[in-house]
Amino acid sequence: TAMALDRYFAICYPLYYSKVCFKPWPWL
């Protein structure tokens, strides 16, 4: 589910995704 939501925000909201997601984000 997290993989699908991650791709959803990365593709549909790329600018917002790049601002919010920091380096350790996927490990969190």
PDB file of all heavy atoms in Angstrom:
ATOM      1  N   THR A   1       0.834  -1.205   0.000  1.00  0.00           N
ATOM      2  CA  THR A   1       0.000   0.000   0.000  1.00  0.00           C
ATOM      3  C   THR A   1       0.867   1.252   0.000  1.00  0.00           C
ATOM      4  O   THR A   1       0.593   2.218  -0.728  1.00  0.00           O
ATOM      5  CB  THR A   1      -0.928   0.008   1.223  1.00  0.00           C
ATOM      6  OG1 THR A   1      -1.660  -1.214   1.271  1.00  0.00           O
ATOM      7  CG2 THR A   1      -1.911   1.159   1.149  1.00  0.00           C
ATOM      8  N   ALA A   2       1.928   1.253   0.813  1.00  0.00           N
ATOM      9  CA  ALA A   2       2.841   2.399   0.853  1.00  0.00           C
ATOM     10  C   ALA A   2       3.542   2.598  -0.487  1.00  0.00           C
ATOM     11  O   ALA A   2       3.758   3.742  -0.923  1.00  0.00           O
ATOM     12  CB  ALA A   2       3.872   2.194   1.963  1.00  0.00           C
ATOM     13  N   MET A   3       3.887   1.512  -1.183  1.00  0.00           N
ATOM     14  CA  MET A   3       4.512   1.619  -2.508  1.00  0.00           C
ATOM     15  C   MET A   3       3.571   2.271  -3.506  1.00  0.00           C
ATOM     16  O   MET A   3       3.977   3.133  -4.304  1.00  0.00           O
ATOM     17  CB  MET A   3       4.921   0.232  -2.999  1.00  0.00           C
ATOM     18  CG  MET A   3       6.018  -0.423  -2.186  1.00  0.00           C
ATOM     19  SD  MET A   3       6.303  -2.147  -2.618  1.00  0.00           S
ATOM     20  CE  MET A   3       7.111  -1.972  -4.199  1.00  0.00           C
ATOM     21  N   ALA A   4       2.286   1.875  -3.454  1.00  0.00           N
ATOM     22  CA  ALA A   4       1.303   2.464  -4.381  1.00  0.00           C
ATOM     23  C   ALA A   4       1.079   3.940  -4.066  1.00  0.00           C
ATOM     24  O   ALA A   4       1.036   4.775  -4.984  1.00  0.00           O
ATOM     25  CB  ALA A   4      -0.015   1.692  -4.280  1.00  0.00           C
ATOM     26  N   LEU A   5       0.947   4.286  -2.797  1.00  0.00           N
ATOM     27  CA  LEU A   5       0.730   5.681  -2.416  1.00  0.00           C
ATOM     28  C   LEU A   5       1.957   6.541  -2.726  1.00  0.00           C
ATOM     29  O   LEU A   5       1.822   7.703  -3.133  1.00  0.00           O
ATOM     30  CB  LEU A   5       0.394   5.773  -0.930  1.00  0.00           C
ATOM     31  CG  LEU A   5      -0.954   5.157  -0.506  1.00  0.00           C
ATOM     32  CD1 LEU A   5      -1.110   5.197   1.002  1.00  0.00           C
ATOM     33  CD2 LEU A   5      -2.107   5.887  -1.184  1.00  0.00           C
ATOM     34  N   ASP A   6       3.149   5.968  -2.544  1.00  0.00           N
ATOM     35  CA  ASP A   6       4.376   6.703  -2.862  1.00  0.00           C
ATOM     36  C   ASP A   6       4.439   7.036  -4.344  1.00  0.00           C
ATOM     37  O   ASP A   6       4.759   8.168  -4.731  1.00  0.00           O
ATOM     38  CB  ASP A   6       5.587   5.875  -2.443  1.00  0.00           C
ATOM     39  CG  ASP A   6       6.895   6.525  -2.860  1.00  0.00           C
ATOM     40  OD1 ASP A   6       7.310   7.489  -2.189  1.00  0.00           O
ATOM     41  OD2 ASP A   6       7.500   6.068  -3.855  1.00  0.00           O
ATOM     42  N   ARG A   7       4.123   6.068  -5.214  1.00  0.00           N
ATOM     43  CA  ARG A   7       4.113   6.329  -6.655  1.00  0.00           C
ATOM     44  C   ARG A   7       3.006   7.319  -7.031  1.00  0.00           C
ATOM     45  O   ARG A   7       3.175   8.117  -7.954  1.00  0.00           O
ATOM     46  CB  ARG A   7       3.928   5.028  -7.428  1.00  0.00           C
ATOM     47  CG  ARG A   7       5.096   4.076  -7.376  1.00  0.00           C
ATOM     48  CD  ARG A   7       6.365   4.689  -7.964  1.00  0.00           C
ATOM     49  NE  ARG A   7       7.131   5.457  -6.995  1.00  0.00           N
ATOM     50  CZ  ARG A   7       8.011   6.380  -7.283  1.00  0.00           C
ATOM     51  NH1 ARG A   7       8.216   6.717  -8.542  1.00  0.00           N
ATOM     52  NH2 ARG A   7       8.673   7.020  -6.353  1.00  0.00           N
ATOM     53  N   TYR A   8       1.883   7.229  -6.330  1.00  0.00           N
ATOM     54  CA  TYR A   8       0.769   8.138  -6.615  1.00  0.00           C
ATOM     55  C   TYR A   8       1.168   9.588  -6.365  1.00  0.00           C
ATOM     56  O   TYR A   8       0.972  10.459  -7.226  1.00  0.00           O
ATOM     57  CB  TYR A   8      -0.433   7.759  -5.754  1.00  0.00           C
ATOM     58  CG  TYR A   8      -1.516   8.811  -5.697  1.00  0.00           C
ATOM     59  CD1 TYR A   8      -2.320   9.083  -6.801  1.00  0.00           C
ATOM     60  CD2 TYR A   8      -1.729   9.537  -4.536  1.00  0.00           C
ATOM     61  CE1 TYR A   8      -3.301  10.048  -6.757  1.00  0.00           C
ATOM     62  CE2 TYR A   8      -2.724  10.508  -4.473  1.00  0.00           C
ATOM     63  CZ  TYR A   8      -3.503  10.755  -5.579  1.00  0.00           C
ATOM     64  OH  TYR A   8      -4.480  11.725  -5.521  1.00  0.00           O
ATOM     65  N   PHE A   9       1.754   9.864  -5.206  1.00  0.00           N
ATOM     66  CA  PHE A   9       2.158  11.240  -4.892  1.00  0.00           C
ATOM     67  C   PHE A   9       3.336  11.690  -5.746  1.00  0.00           C
ATOM     68  O   PHE A   9       3.420  12.860  -6.125  1.00  0.00           O
ATOM     69  CB  PHE A   9       2.509  11.353  -3.402  1.00  0.00           C
ATOM     70  CG  PHE A   9       1.313  11.354  -2.500  1.00  0.00           C
ATOM     71  CD1 PHE A   9       1.041  10.277  -1.687  1.00  0.00           C
ATOM     72  CD2 PHE A   9       0.440  12.442  -2.476  1.00  0.00           C
ATOM     73  CE1 PHE A   9      -0.074  10.270  -0.856  1.00  0.00           C
ATOM     74  CE2 PHE A   9      -0.673  12.444  -1.652  1.00  0.00           C
ATOM     75  CZ  PHE A   9      -0.933  11.356  -0.839  1.00  0.00           C
ATOM     76  N   ALA A  10       4.244  10.758  -6.077  1.00  0.00           N
ATOM     77  CA  ALA A  10       5.402  11.132  -6.895  1.00  0.00           C
ATOM     78  C   ALA A  10       5.009  11.494  -8.318  1.00  0.00           C
ATOM     79  O   ALA A  10       5.606  12.385  -8.930  1.00  0.00           O
ATOM     80  CB  ALA A  10       6.411   9.988  -6.902  1.00  0.00           C
ATOM     81  N   ILE A  11       3.987  10.821  -8.863  1.00  0.00           N
ATOM     82  CA  ILE A  11       3.576  11.058 -10.252  1.00  0.00           C
ATOM     83  C   ILE A  11       2.532  12.160 -10.353  1.00  0.00           C
ATOM     84  O   ILE A  11       2.612  13.028 -11.234  1.00  0.00           O
ATOM     85  CB  ILE A  11       3.035   9.744 -10.862  1.00  0.00           C
ATOM     86  CG1 ILE A  11       4.174   8.719 -10.978  1.00  0.00           C
ATOM     87  CG2 ILE A  11       2.398   9.985 -12.231  1.00  0.00           C
ATOM     88  CD1 ILE A  11       3.731   7.343 -11.418  1.00  0.00           C
ATOM     89  N   CYS A  12       1.564  12.147  -9.454  1.00  0.00           N
ATOM     90  CA  CYS A  12       0.462  13.114  -9.543  1.00  0.00           C
ATOM     91  C   CYS A  12       0.789  14.448  -8.892  1.00  0.00           C
ATOM     92  O   CYS A  12       0.229  15.484  -9.279  1.00  0.00           O
ATOM     93  CB  CYS A  12      -0.802  12.522  -8.921  1.00  0.00           C
ATOM     94  SG  CYS A  12      -1.379  11.027  -9.747  1.00  0.00           S
ATOM     95  N   TYR A  13       1.665  14.458  -7.903  1.00  0.00           N
ATOM     96  CA  TYR A  13       2.041  15.703  -7.217  1.00  0.00           C
ATOM     97  C   TYR A  13       3.565  15.764  -7.079  1.00  0.00           C
ATOM     98  O   TYR A  13       4.102  15.697  -5.970  1.00  0.00           O
ATOM     99  CB  TYR A  13       1.380  15.780  -5.835  1.00  0.00           C
ATOM    100  CG  TYR A  13      -0.115  15.672  -5.866  1.00  0.00           C
ATOM    101  CD1 TYR A  13      -0.739  14.449  -5.603  1.00  0.00           C
ATOM    102  CD2 TYR A  13      -0.922  16.766  -6.166  1.00  0.00           C
ATOM    103  CE1 TYR A  13      -2.117  14.333  -5.639  1.00  0.00           C
ATOM    104  CE2 TYR A  13      -2.308  16.665  -6.201  1.00  0.00           C
ATOM    105  CZ  TYR A  13      -2.894  15.438  -5.930  1.00  0.00           C
ATOM    106  OH  TYR A  13      -4.261  15.321  -5.961  1.00  0.00           O
ATOM    107  N   PRO A  14       4.287  15.883  -8.195  1.00  0.00           N
ATOM    108  CA  PRO A  14       5.758  15.801  -8.142  1.00  0.00           C
ATOM    109  C   PRO A  14       6.406  16.946  -7.365  1.00  0.00           C
ATOM    110  O   PRO A  14       7.372  16.720  -6.630  1.00  0.00           O
ATOM    111  CB  PRO A  14       6.159  15.835  -9.623  1.00  0.00           C
ATOM    112  CG  PRO A  14       5.000  16.447 -10.332  1.00  0.00           C
ATOM    113  CD  PRO A  14       3.781  16.072  -9.558  1.00  0.00           C
ATOM    114  N   LEU A  15       5.904  18.171  -7.511  1.00  0.00           N
ATOM    115  CA  LEU A  15       6.503  19.298  -6.806  1.00  0.00           C
ATOM    116  C   LEU A  15       6.302  19.172  -5.304  1.00  0.00           C
ATOM    117  O   LEU A  15       7.231  19.377  -4.507  1.00  0.00           O
ATOM    118  CB  LEU A  15       5.912  20.620  -7.319  1.00  0.00           C
ATOM    119  CG  LEU A  15       6.168  20.933  -8.796  1.00  0.00           C
ATOM    120  CD1 LEU A  15       5.486  22.232  -9.190  1.00  0.00           C
ATOM    121  CD2 LEU A  15       7.666  21.014  -9.067  1.00  0.00           C
ATOM    122  N   TYR A  16       5.098  18.847  -4.903  1.00  0.00           N
ATOM    123  CA  TYR A  16       4.803  18.670  -3.484  1.00  0.00           C
ATOM    124  C   TYR A  16       5.582  17.488  -2.915  1.00  0.00           C
ATOM    125  O   TYR A  16       6.084  17.535  -1.783  1.00  0.00           O
ATOM    126  CB  TYR A  16       3.300  18.449  -3.309  1.00  0.00           C
ATOM    127  CG  TYR A  16       2.854  18.268  -1.881  1.00  0.00           C
ATOM    128  CD1 TYR A  16       2.751  19.356  -1.018  1.00  0.00           C
ATOM    129  CD2 TYR A  16       2.526  16.999  -1.400  1.00  0.00           C
ATOM    130  CE1 TYR A  16       2.357  19.176   0.300  1.00  0.00           C
ATOM    131  CE2 TYR A  16       2.125  16.811  -0.089  1.00  0.00           C
ATOM    132  CZ  TYR A  16       2.038  17.906   0.750  1.00  0.00           C
ATOM    133  OH  TYR A  16       1.644  17.719   2.050  1.00  0.00           O
ATOM    134  N   TYR A  17       5.729  16.448  -3.704  1.00  0.00           N
ATOM    135  CA  TYR A  17       6.449  15.250  -3.262  1.00  0.00           C
ATOM    136  C   TYR A  17       7.923  15.553  -3.025  1.00  0.00           C
ATOM    137  O   TYR A  17       8.512  15.107  -2.033  1.00  0.00           O
ATOM    138  CB  TYR A  17       6.294  14.157  -4.318  1.00  0.00           C
ATOM    139  CG  TYR A  17       6.984  12.852  -3.991  1.00  0.00           C
ATOM    140  CD1 TYR A  17       6.373  11.910  -3.176  1.00  0.00           C
ATOM    141  CD2 TYR A  17       8.245  12.557  -4.517  1.00  0.00           C
ATOM    142  CE1 TYR A  17       6.998  10.701  -2.878  1.00  0.00           C
ATOM    143  CE2 TYR A  17       8.881  11.359  -4.228  1.00  0.00           C
ATOM    144  CZ  TYR A  17       8.245  10.444  -3.410  1.00  0.00           C
ATOM    145  OH  TYR A  17       8.877   9.256  -3.120  1.00  0.00           O
ATOM    146  N   SER A  18       8.543  16.307  -3.935  1.00  0.00           N
ATOM    147  CA  SER A  18       9.963  16.637  -3.789  1.00  0.00           C
ATOM    148  C   SER A  18      10.232  17.557  -2.604  1.00  0.00           C
ATOM    149  O   SER A  18      11.309  17.511  -2.013  1.00  0.00           O
ATOM    150  CB  SER A  18      10.487  17.292  -5.075  1.00  0.00           C
ATOM    151  OG  SER A  18       9.752  18.479  -5.349  1.00  0.00           O
ATOM    152  N   LYS A  19       9.249  18.376  -2.233  1.00  0.00           N
ATOM    153  CA  LYS A  19       9.432  19.280  -1.095  1.00  0.00           C
ATOM    154  C   LYS A  19       9.258  18.561   0.239  1.00  0.00           C
ATOM    155  O   LYS A  19       9.992  18.819   1.194  1.00  0.00           O
ATOM    156  CB  LYS A  19       8.418  20.433  -1.175  1.00  0.00           C
ATOM    157  CG  LYS A  19       8.704  21.425  -2.292  1.00  0.00           C
ATOM    158  CD  LYS A  19       7.649  22.524  -2.298  1.00  0.00           C
ATOM    159  CE  LYS A  19       7.902  23.523  -3.420  1.00  0.00           C
ATOM    160  NZ  LYS A  19       6.874  24.587  -3.462  1.00  0.00           N
ATOM    161  N   VAL A  20       8.270  17.685   0.291  1.00  0.00           N
ATOM    162  CA  VAL A  20       7.938  17.034   1.570  1.00  0.00           C
ATOM    163  C   VAL A  20       8.885  15.882   1.876  1.00  0.00           C
ATOM    164  O   VAL A  20       9.326  15.717   3.020  1.00  0.00           O
ATOM    165  CB  VAL A  20       6.477  16.522   1.542  1.00  0.00           C
ATOM    166  CG1 VAL A  20       6.173  15.683   2.784  1.00  0.00           C
ATOM    167  CG2 VAL A  20       5.519  17.700   1.450  1.00  0.00           C
ATOM    168  N   CYS A  21       9.214  15.064   0.880  1.00  0.00           N
ATOM    169  CA  CYS A  21       9.993  13.848   1.121  1.00  0.00           C
ATOM    170  C   CYS A  21      11.471  14.191   1.270  1.00  0.00           C
ATOM    171  O   CYS A  21      12.101  14.697   0.338  1.00  0.00           O
ATOM    172  CB  CYS A  21       9.806  12.864  -0.033  1.00  0.00           C
ATOM    173  SG  CYS A  21       8.106  12.266  -0.144  1.00  0.00           S
ATOM    174  N   PHE A  22      12.030  13.938   2.449  1.00  0.00           N
ATOM    175  CA  PHE A  22      13.443  14.157   2.711  1.00  0.00           C
ATOM    176  C   PHE A  22      14.173  12.817   2.649  1.00  0.00           C
ATOM    177  O   PHE A  22      13.564  11.769   2.411  1.00  0.00           O
ATOM    178  CB  PHE A  22      13.642  14.842   4.065  1.00  0.00           C
ATOM    179  CG  PHE A  22      12.840  14.225   5.180  1.00  0.00           C
ATOM    180  CD1 PHE A  22      13.404  13.286   6.007  1.00  0.00           C
ATOM    181  CD2 PHE A  22      11.517  14.610   5.398  1.00  0.00           C
ATOM    182  CE1 PHE A  22      12.679  12.722   7.026  1.00  0.00           C
ATOM    183  CE2 PHE A  22      10.781  14.043   6.424  1.00  0.00           C
ATOM    184  CZ  PHE A  22      11.360  13.095   7.239  1.00  0.00           C
ATOM    185  N   LYS A  23      15.491  12.833   2.891  1.00  0.00           N
ATOM    186  CA  LYS A  23      16.330  11.668   2.622  1.00  0.00           C
ATOM    187  C   LYS A  23      15.927  10.419   3.409  1.00  0.00           C
ATOM    188  O   LYS A  23      15.766   9.338   2.815  1.00  0.00           O
ATOM    189  CB  LYS A  23      17.790  12.031   2.894  1.00  0.00           C
ATOM    190  CG  LYS A  23      18.763  11.036   2.286  1.00  0.00           C
ATOM    191  CD  LYS A  23      20.183  11.554   2.377  1.00  0.00           C
ATOM    192  CE  LYS A  23      21.135  10.599   1.672  1.00  0.00           C
ATOM    193  NZ  LYS A  23      22.524  11.086   1.719  1.00  0.00           N
ATOM    194  N   PRO A  24      15.767  10.490   4.753  1.00  0.00           N
ATOM    195  CA  PRO A  24      15.403   9.254   5.474  1.00  0.00           C
ATOM    196  C   PRO A  24      13.921   8.910   5.416  1.00  0.00           C
ATOM    197  O   PRO A  24      13.470   8.003   6.122  1.00  0.00           O
ATOM    198  CB  PRO A  24      15.828   9.558   6.923  1.00  0.00           C
ATOM    199  CG  PRO A  24      15.742  11.027   7.045  1.00  0.00           C
ATOM    200  CD  PRO A  24      16.026  11.588   5.684  1.00  0.00           C
ATOM    201  N   TRP A  25      13.162   9.612   4.581  1.00  0.00           N
ATOM    202  CA  TRP A  25      11.714   9.409   4.505  1.00  0.00           C
ATOM    203  C   TRP A  25      11.325   7.961   4.218  1.00  0.00           C
ATOM    204  O   TRP A  25      10.476   7.395   4.919  1.00  0.00           O
ATOM    205  CB  TRP A  25      11.131  10.352   3.446  1.00  0.00           C
ATOM    206  CG  TRP A  25       9.739  10.050   3.018  1.00  0.00           C
ATOM    207  CD1 TRP A  25       9.340   9.476   1.864  1.00  0.00           C
ATOM    208  CD2 TRP A  25       8.532  10.314   3.745  1.00  0.00           C
ATOM    209  NE1 TRP A  25       7.978   9.370   1.805  1.00  0.00           N
ATOM    210  CE2 TRP A  25       7.452   9.882   2.964  1.00  0.00           C
ATOM    211  CE3 TRP A  25       8.263  10.882   4.991  1.00  0.00           C
ATOM    212  CZ2 TRP A  25       6.132   9.977   3.374  1.00  0.00           C
ATOM    213  CZ3 TRP A  25       6.949  10.988   5.406  1.00  0.00           C
ATOM    214  CH2 TRP A  25       5.903  10.544   4.604  1.00  0.00           C
ATOM    215  N   PRO A  26      11.911   7.287   3.217  1.00  0.00           N
ATOM    216  CA  PRO A  26      11.482   5.898   2.948  1.00  0.00           C
ATOM    217  C   PRO A  26      11.779   4.941   4.093  1.00  0.00           C
ATOM    218  O   PRO A  26      11.033   3.989   4.317  1.00  0.00           O
ATOM    219  CB  PRO A  26      12.259   5.520   1.687  1.00  0.00           C
ATOM    220  CG  PRO A  26      13.339   6.516   1.560  1.00  0.00           C
ATOM    221  CD  PRO A  26      12.870   7.751   2.206  1.00  0.00           C
ATOM    222  N   TRP A  27      12.862   5.186   4.868  1.00  0.00           N
ATOM    223  CA  TRP A  27      13.158   4.311   6.003  1.00  0.00           C
ATOM    224  C   TRP A  27      12.160   4.540   7.129  1.00  0.00           C
ATOM    225  O   TRP A  27      11.796   3.597   7.847  1.00  0.00           O
ATOM    226  CB  TRP A  27      14.581   4.552   6.488  1.00  0.00           C
ATOM    227  CG  TRP A  27      15.606   4.193   5.465  1.00  0.00           C
ATOM    228  CD1 TRP A  27      16.292   5.048   4.655  1.00  0.00           C
ATOM    229  CD2 TRP A  27      16.048   2.882   5.111  1.00  0.00           C
ATOM    230  NE1 TRP A  27      17.126   4.362   3.824  1.00  0.00           N
ATOM    231  CE2 TRP A  27      17.015   3.031   4.083  1.00  0.00           C
ATOM    232  CE3 TRP A  27      15.739   1.602   5.566  1.00  0.00           C
ATOM    233  CZ2 TRP A  27      17.653   1.938   3.504  1.00  0.00           C
ATOM    234  CZ3 TRP A  27      16.368   0.512   4.998  1.00  0.00           C
ATOM    235  CH2 TRP A  27      17.318   0.681   3.977  1.00  0.00           C
ATOM    236  N   LEU A  28      11.696   5.763   7.277  1.00  0.00           N
ATOM    237  CA  LEU A  28      10.678   6.051   8.288  1.00  0.00           C
ATOM    238  C   LEU A  28       9.344   5.394   7.929  1.00  0.00           C
ATOM    239  O   LEU A  28       8.579   5.005   8.810  1.00  0.00           O
ATOM    240  CB  LEU A  28      10.508   7.565   8.450  1.00  0.00           C
ATOM    241  CG  LEU A  28      11.705   8.309   9.031  1.00  0.00           C
ATOM    242  CD1 LEU A  28      11.426   9.811   9.078  1.00  0.00           C
ATOM    243  CD2 LEU A  28      12.045   7.790  10.424  1.00  0.00           C
TER     244      LEU A  28
END
